[in-house]
Amino acid sequence: MSSVTESQCLLQTPYFKVVRENGYFIIKEAQAVNGVVAVPTLADGRLMLVELKRRAIGGQSIEFPRGAIDAGESACEAAARELLEETGWQASQVRQLGLLHSNTSLIASAVAVCQVEIADQQSAATDGEVDHVLWVSRQELLAMIAAGQISDAHTLSAAMMLLAAESA
């Protein structure tokens, strides 16, 4: 790694800052791991996806539940909380699969990916963020990816991490 010889903060918000370091623009957040993707799985092998509106792309997106890691919270705790808030489903067991960097040329922070085994029934009300919950087999997930129905980079990376962990 080269050392930083020039650094200038161009924008500071409560959530992130944009800096120019040695001529490159970088988005930095307070935490090195700032978010989590939950990969919800049922005992029968099905996976849960959610469909929701994403304003940045101007339309609907099919993805695994995800969100921020709150202060003092582990990635696994955040994955269980996000699953409950977005879908009303309770986690029974959580394990971290790894970390992903969504844009290594621009964003300094990482996102944790956690497999979340879920209970057999929905247990709580949701925060209303999700429009639909979809249950799919691994084969159906792969077919959706191949057909271009899933374009979210976090979901694509998390799916690959899950499949790699299962085949290792």
C-alpha atoms as a PDB file:
ATOM      1  CA  MET A   1       0.000   0.000   0.000  1.00  0.00           C
ATOM      2  CA  SER A   2       1.209   3.471  -0.801  1.00  0.00           C
ATOM      3  CA  SER A   3       1.205   6.084   1.924  1.00  0.00           C
ATOM      4  CA  VAL A   4      -1.185   9.027   1.950  1.00  0.00           C
ATOM      5  CA  THR A   5       0.695  12.202   1.080  1.00  0.00           C
ATOM      6  CA  GLU A   6      -2.309  14.406   0.408  1.00  0.00           C
ATOM      7  CA  SER A   7      -5.773  14.214   2.025  1.00  0.00           C
ATOM      8  CA  GLN A   8      -8.653  16.657   1.764  1.00  0.00           C
ATOM      9  CA  CYS A   9     -12.194  16.207   3.152  1.00  0.00           C
ATOM     10  CA  LEU A  10     -14.634  17.347   0.451  1.00  0.00           C
ATOM     11  CA  LEU A  11     -17.928  16.456   2.146  1.00  0.00           C
ATOM     12  CA  GLN A  12     -18.843  15.451   5.704  1.00  0.00           C
ATOM     13  CA  THR A  13     -22.277  13.999   6.591  1.00  0.00           C
ATOM     14  CA  PRO A  14     -23.524  12.201   9.708  1.00  0.00           C
ATOM     15  CA  TYR A  15     -23.130   8.885   7.806  1.00  0.00           C
ATOM     16  CA  PHE A  16     -20.011   9.219   5.669  1.00  0.00           C
ATOM     17  CA  LYS A  17     -17.396  11.586   4.339  1.00  0.00           C
ATOM     18  CA  VAL A  18     -15.871  11.985   0.906  1.00  0.00           C
ATOM     19  CA  VAL A  19     -12.137  12.583   0.851  1.00  0.00           C
ATOM     20  CA  ARG A  20      -9.561  13.055  -1.848  1.00  0.00           C
ATOM     21  CA  GLU A  21      -6.390  11.142  -1.059  1.00  0.00           C
ATOM     22  CA  ASN A  22      -3.447  11.373  -3.428  1.00  0.00           C
ATOM     23  CA  GLY A  23      -5.857  12.426  -6.186  1.00  0.00           C
ATOM     24  CA  TYR A  24      -8.408   9.607  -5.622  1.00  0.00           C
ATOM     25  CA  PHE A  25     -11.940  10.101  -4.293  1.00  0.00           C
ATOM     26  CA  ILE A  26     -12.832   7.774  -1.394  1.00  0.00           C
ATOM     27  CA  ILE A  27     -16.033   7.388   0.619  1.00  0.00           C
ATOM     28  CA  LYS A  28     -15.228   6.686   4.267  1.00  0.00           C
ATOM     29  CA  GLU A  29     -17.624   5.674   7.021  1.00  0.00           C
ATOM     30  CA  ALA A  30     -17.149   5.669  10.784  1.00  0.00           C
ATOM     31  CA  GLN A  31     -16.988   1.871  11.029  1.00  0.00           C
ATOM     32  CA  ALA A  32     -14.673  -0.338   8.961  1.00  0.00           C
ATOM     33  CA  VAL A  33     -17.570  -2.843   8.690  1.00  0.00           C
ATOM     34  CA  ASN A  34     -20.664  -0.702   8.404  1.00  0.00           C
ATOM     35  CA  GLY A  35     -23.384  -3.063   7.210  1.00  0.00           C
ATOM     36  CA  VAL A  36     -24.617  -6.625   7.037  1.00  0.00           C
ATOM     37  CA  VAL A  37     -26.353  -8.882   4.534  1.00  0.00           C
ATOM     38  CA  ALA A  38     -28.550 -11.594   6.060  1.00  0.00           C
ATOM     39  CA  VAL A  39     -28.843 -14.805   4.031  1.00  0.00           C
ATOM     40  CA  PRO A  40     -32.001 -16.359   5.533  1.00  0.00           C
ATOM     41  CA  THR A  41     -32.331 -20.143   5.240  1.00  0.00           C
ATOM     42  CA  LEU A  42     -35.043 -22.568   6.279  1.00  0.00           C
ATOM     43  CA  ALA A  43     -34.371 -26.116   7.466  1.00  0.00           C
ATOM     44  CA  ASP A  44     -35.791 -27.428   4.168  1.00  0.00           C
ATOM     45  CA  GLY A  45     -33.054 -25.565   2.268  1.00  0.00           C
ATOM     46  CA  ARG A  46     -35.132 -22.721   0.859  1.00  0.00           C
ATOM     47  CA  LEU A  47     -33.750 -19.193   0.929  1.00  0.00           C
ATOM     48  CA  MET A  48     -35.647 -16.003   1.641  1.00  0.00           C
ATOM     49  CA  LEU A  49     -35.380 -13.009  -0.666  1.00  0.00           C
ATOM     50  CA  VAL A  50     -37.191  -9.717  -0.285  1.00  0.00           C
ATOM     51  CA  GLU A  51     -38.562  -7.405  -2.942  1.00  0.00           C
ATOM     52  CA  LEU A  52     -38.490  -3.713  -2.155  1.00  0.00           C
ATOM     53  CA  LYS A  53     -38.271  -0.302  -3.779  1.00  0.00           C
ATOM     54  CA  ARG A  54     -34.760   1.088  -4.074  1.00  0.00           C
ATOM     55  CA  ARG A  55     -34.868   4.810  -4.818  1.00  0.00           C
ATOM     56  CA  ALA A  56     -31.282   4.905  -6.125  1.00  0.00           C
ATOM     57  CA  ILE A  57     -32.221   2.639  -9.050  1.00  0.00           C
ATOM     58  CA  GLY A  58     -35.731   4.034  -9.458  1.00  0.00           C
ATOM     59  CA  GLY A  59     -37.502   0.716  -9.094  1.00  0.00           C
ATOM     60  CA  GLN A  60     -37.923  -2.631  -7.399  1.00  0.00           C
ATOM     61  CA  SER A  61     -35.045  -4.877  -6.353  1.00  0.00           C
ATOM     62  CA  ILE A  62     -34.953  -8.508  -5.257  1.00  0.00           C
ATOM     63  CA  GLU A  63     -32.301  -9.073  -2.632  1.00  0.00           C
ATOM     64  CA  PHE A  64     -31.358 -10.619   0.666  1.00  0.00           C
ATOM     65  CA  PRO A  65     -32.320  -8.470   3.692  1.00  0.00           C
ATOM     66  CA  ARG A  66     -29.577  -6.049   4.679  1.00  0.00           C
ATOM     67  CA  GLY A  67     -28.884  -2.968   6.708  1.00  0.00           C
ATOM     68  CA  ALA A  68     -26.577  -1.058   8.990  1.00  0.00           C
ATOM     69  CA  ILE A  69     -24.727  -2.406  11.997  1.00  0.00           C
ATOM     70  CA  ASP A  70     -25.702  -0.349  15.041  1.00  0.00           C
ATOM     71  CA  ALA A  71     -23.098   0.891  17.525  1.00  0.00           C
ATOM     72  CA  GLY A  72     -22.093  -1.891  19.926  1.00  0.00           C
ATOM     73  CA  GLU A  73     -23.732  -4.580  17.794  1.00  0.00           C
ATOM     74  CA  SER A  74     -21.929  -7.525  16.193  1.00  0.00           C
ATOM     75  CA  ALA A  75     -22.492  -8.394  12.537  1.00  0.00           C
ATOM     76  CA  CYS A  76     -24.429 -11.517  13.555  1.00  0.00           C
ATOM     77  CA  GLU A  77     -26.639  -9.542  15.942  1.00  0.00           C
ATOM     78  CA  ALA A  78     -27.307  -6.978  13.208  1.00  0.00           C
ATOM     79  CA  ALA A  79     -28.215  -9.722  10.703  1.00  0.00           C
ATOM     80  CA  ALA A  80     -30.767 -11.192  13.110  1.00  0.00           C
ATOM     81  CA  ARG A  81     -32.200  -7.740  13.884  1.00  0.00           C
ATOM     82  CA  GLU A  82     -32.452  -6.731  10.210  1.00  0.00           C
ATOM     83  CA  LEU A  83     -34.209 -10.004   9.374  1.00  0.00           C
ATOM     84  CA  LEU A  84     -36.734  -9.454  12.164  1.00  0.00           C
ATOM     85  CA  GLU A  85     -37.340  -5.779  11.319  1.00  0.00           C
ATOM     86  CA  GLU A  86     -37.732  -6.294   7.579  1.00  0.00           C
ATOM     87  CA  THR A  87     -39.579  -9.636   7.484  1.00  0.00           C
ATOM     88  CA  GLY A  88     -40.904 -10.433  10.957  1.00  0.00           C
ATOM     89  CA  TRP A  89     -38.973 -13.726  10.994  1.00  0.00           C
ATOM     90  CA  GLN A  90     -36.878 -14.671  14.027  1.00  0.00           C
ATOM     91  CA  ALA A  91     -33.324 -15.988  13.706  1.00  0.00           C
ATOM     92  CA  SER A  92     -32.562 -19.298  15.408  1.00  0.00           C
ATOM     93  CA  GLN A  93     -28.852 -19.438  14.541  1.00  0.00           C
ATOM     94  CA  VAL A  94     -26.456 -17.017  12.817  1.00  0.00           C
ATOM     95  CA  ARG A  95     -22.934 -17.476  11.447  1.00  0.00           C
ATOM     96  CA  GLN A  96     -20.750 -15.036   9.593  1.00  0.00           C
ATOM     97  CA  LEU A  97     -19.723 -16.202   6.114  1.00  0.00           C
ATOM     98  CA  GLY A  98     -17.284 -13.378   5.375  1.00  0.00           C
ATOM     99  CA  LEU A  99     -16.860  -9.765   4.320  1.00  0.00           C
ATOM    100  CA  LEU A 100     -17.435  -8.062   1.004  1.00  0.00           C
ATOM    101  CA  HIS A 101     -16.265  -4.745  -0.374  1.00  0.00           C
ATOM    102  CA  SER A 102     -18.964  -3.392  -2.653  1.00  0.00           C
ATOM    103  CA  ASN A 103     -16.710  -1.014  -4.611  1.00  0.00           C
ATOM    104  CA  THR A 104     -12.989  -1.352  -3.864  1.00  0.00           C
ATOM    105  CA  SER A 105     -12.072   1.693  -5.949  1.00  0.00           C
ATOM    106  CA  LEU A 106     -14.410   4.080  -4.118  1.00  0.00           C
ATOM    107  CA  ILE A 107     -15.743   2.799  -0.756  1.00  0.00           C
ATOM    108  CA  ALA A 108     -13.346   2.079   2.125  1.00  0.00           C
ATOM    109  CA  SER A 109     -15.738   0.125   4.376  1.00  0.00           C
ATOM    110  CA  ALA A 110     -16.845  -3.506   4.151  1.00  0.00           C
ATOM    111  CA  VAL A 111     -20.165  -5.303   4.601  1.00  0.00           C
ATOM    112  CA  ALA A 112     -20.474  -8.539   6.600  1.00  0.00           C
ATOM    113  CA  VAL A 113     -22.388 -11.493   5.159  1.00  0.00           C
ATOM    114  CA  CYS A 114     -24.175 -13.781   7.636  1.00  0.00           C
ATOM    115  CA  GLN A 115     -26.185 -16.943   7.111  1.00  0.00           C
ATOM    116  CA  VAL A 116     -29.283 -16.761   9.272  1.00  0.00           C
ATOM    117  CA  GLU A 117     -31.197 -19.939  10.014  1.00  0.00           C
ATOM    118  CA  ILE A 118     -34.762 -18.979  10.754  1.00  0.00           C
ATOM    119  CA  ALA A 119     -37.586 -20.336  12.860  1.00  0.00           C
ATOM    120  CA  ASP A 120     -40.494 -22.119  11.219  1.00  0.00           C
ATOM    121  CA  GLN A 121     -42.982 -19.274  11.489  1.00  0.00           C
ATOM    122  CA  GLN A 122     -43.157 -15.520  11.218  1.00  0.00           C
ATOM    123  CA  SER A 123     -43.237 -14.021  14.683  1.00  0.00           C
ATOM    124  CA  ALA A 124     -43.440 -10.226  14.510  1.00  0.00           C
ATOM    125  CA  ALA A 125     -44.724  -7.234  12.592  1.00  0.00           C
ATOM    126  CA  THR A 126     -42.374  -5.650  10.066  1.00  0.00           C
ATOM    127  CA  ASP A 127     -41.093  -2.111   9.535  1.00  0.00           C
ATOM    128  CA  GLY A 128     -42.946  -1.913   6.197  1.00  0.00           C
ATOM    129  CA  GLU A 129     -39.785  -1.558   4.099  1.00  0.00           C
ATOM    130  CA  VAL A 130     -40.302  -4.847   2.231  1.00  0.00           C
ATOM    131  CA  ASP A 131     -43.052  -5.237  -0.368  1.00  0.00           C
ATOM    132  CA  HIS A 132     -42.851  -9.031  -0.777  1.00  0.00           C
ATOM    133  CA  VAL A 133     -41.031 -12.029   0.701  1.00  0.00           C
ATOM    134  CA  LEU A 134     -39.999 -14.749  -1.754  1.00  0.00           C
ATOM    135  CA  TRP A 135     -38.970 -18.308  -0.860  1.00  0.00           C
ATOM    136  CA  VAL A 136     -36.665 -19.957  -3.387  1.00  0.00           C
ATOM    137  CA  SER A 137     -34.526 -23.058  -3.729  1.00  0.00           C
ATOM    138  CA  ARG A 138     -30.842 -22.664  -4.523  1.00  0.00           C
ATOM    139  CA  GLN A 139     -31.595 -23.718  -8.129  1.00  0.00           C
ATOM    140  CA  GLU A 140     -34.327 -21.082  -8.386  1.00  0.00           C
ATOM    141  CA  LEU A 141     -31.928 -18.480  -6.981  1.00  0.00           C
ATOM    142  CA  LEU A 142     -29.343 -19.363  -9.627  1.00  0.00           C
ATOM    143  CA  ALA A 143     -31.998 -19.216 -12.362  1.00  0.00           C
ATOM    144  CA  MET A 144     -33.093 -15.764 -11.154  1.00  0.00           C
ATOM    145  CA  ILE A 145     -29.490 -14.574 -11.231  1.00  0.00           C
ATOM    146  CA  ALA A 146     -28.944 -16.007 -14.735  1.00  0.00           C
ATOM    147  CA  ALA A 147     -32.150 -14.326 -15.950  1.00  0.00           C
ATOM    148  CA  GLY A 148     -31.035 -10.942 -14.609  1.00  0.00           C
ATOM    149  CA  GLN A 149     -33.823 -10.745 -12.026  1.00  0.00           C
ATOM    150  CA  ILE A 150     -31.278 -10.130  -9.260  1.00  0.00           C
ATOM    151  CA  SER A 151     -28.776  -7.332  -9.863  1.00  0.00           C
ATOM    152  CA  ASP A 152     -27.963  -6.208  -6.313  1.00  0.00           C
ATOM    153  CA  ALA A 153     -24.200  -6.660  -5.812  1.00  0.00           C
ATOM    154  CA  HIS A 154     -24.564  -7.480  -2.116  1.00  0.00           C
ATOM    155  CA  THR A 155     -27.024 -10.277  -2.869  1.00  0.00           C
ATOM    156  CA  LEU A 156     -24.938 -11.669  -5.713  1.00  0.00           C
ATOM    157  CA  SER A 157     -21.826 -11.717  -3.507  1.00  0.00           C
ATOM    158  CA  ALA A 158     -23.695 -13.189  -0.541  1.00  0.00           C
ATOM    159  CA  ALA A 159     -25.176 -15.967  -2.708  1.00  0.00           C
ATOM    160  CA  MET A 160     -21.696 -16.879  -3.923  1.00  0.00           C
ATOM    161  CA  MET A 161     -20.329 -16.858  -0.358  1.00  0.00           C
ATOM    162  CA  LEU A 162     -23.122 -19.181   0.780  1.00  0.00           C
ATOM    163  CA  LEU A 163     -22.585 -21.631  -2.091  1.00  0.00           C
ATOM    164  CA  ALA A 164     -18.811 -21.575  -1.568  1.00  0.00           C
ATOM    165  CA  ALA A 165     -19.181 -22.212   2.179  1.00  0.00           C
ATOM    166  CA  GLU A 166     -21.516 -25.134   1.517  1.00  0.00           C
ATOM    167  CA  SER A 167     -19.151 -26.729  -0.984  1.00  0.00           C
ATOM    168  CA  ALA A 168     -15.986 -26.283   1.101  1.00  0.00           C
END
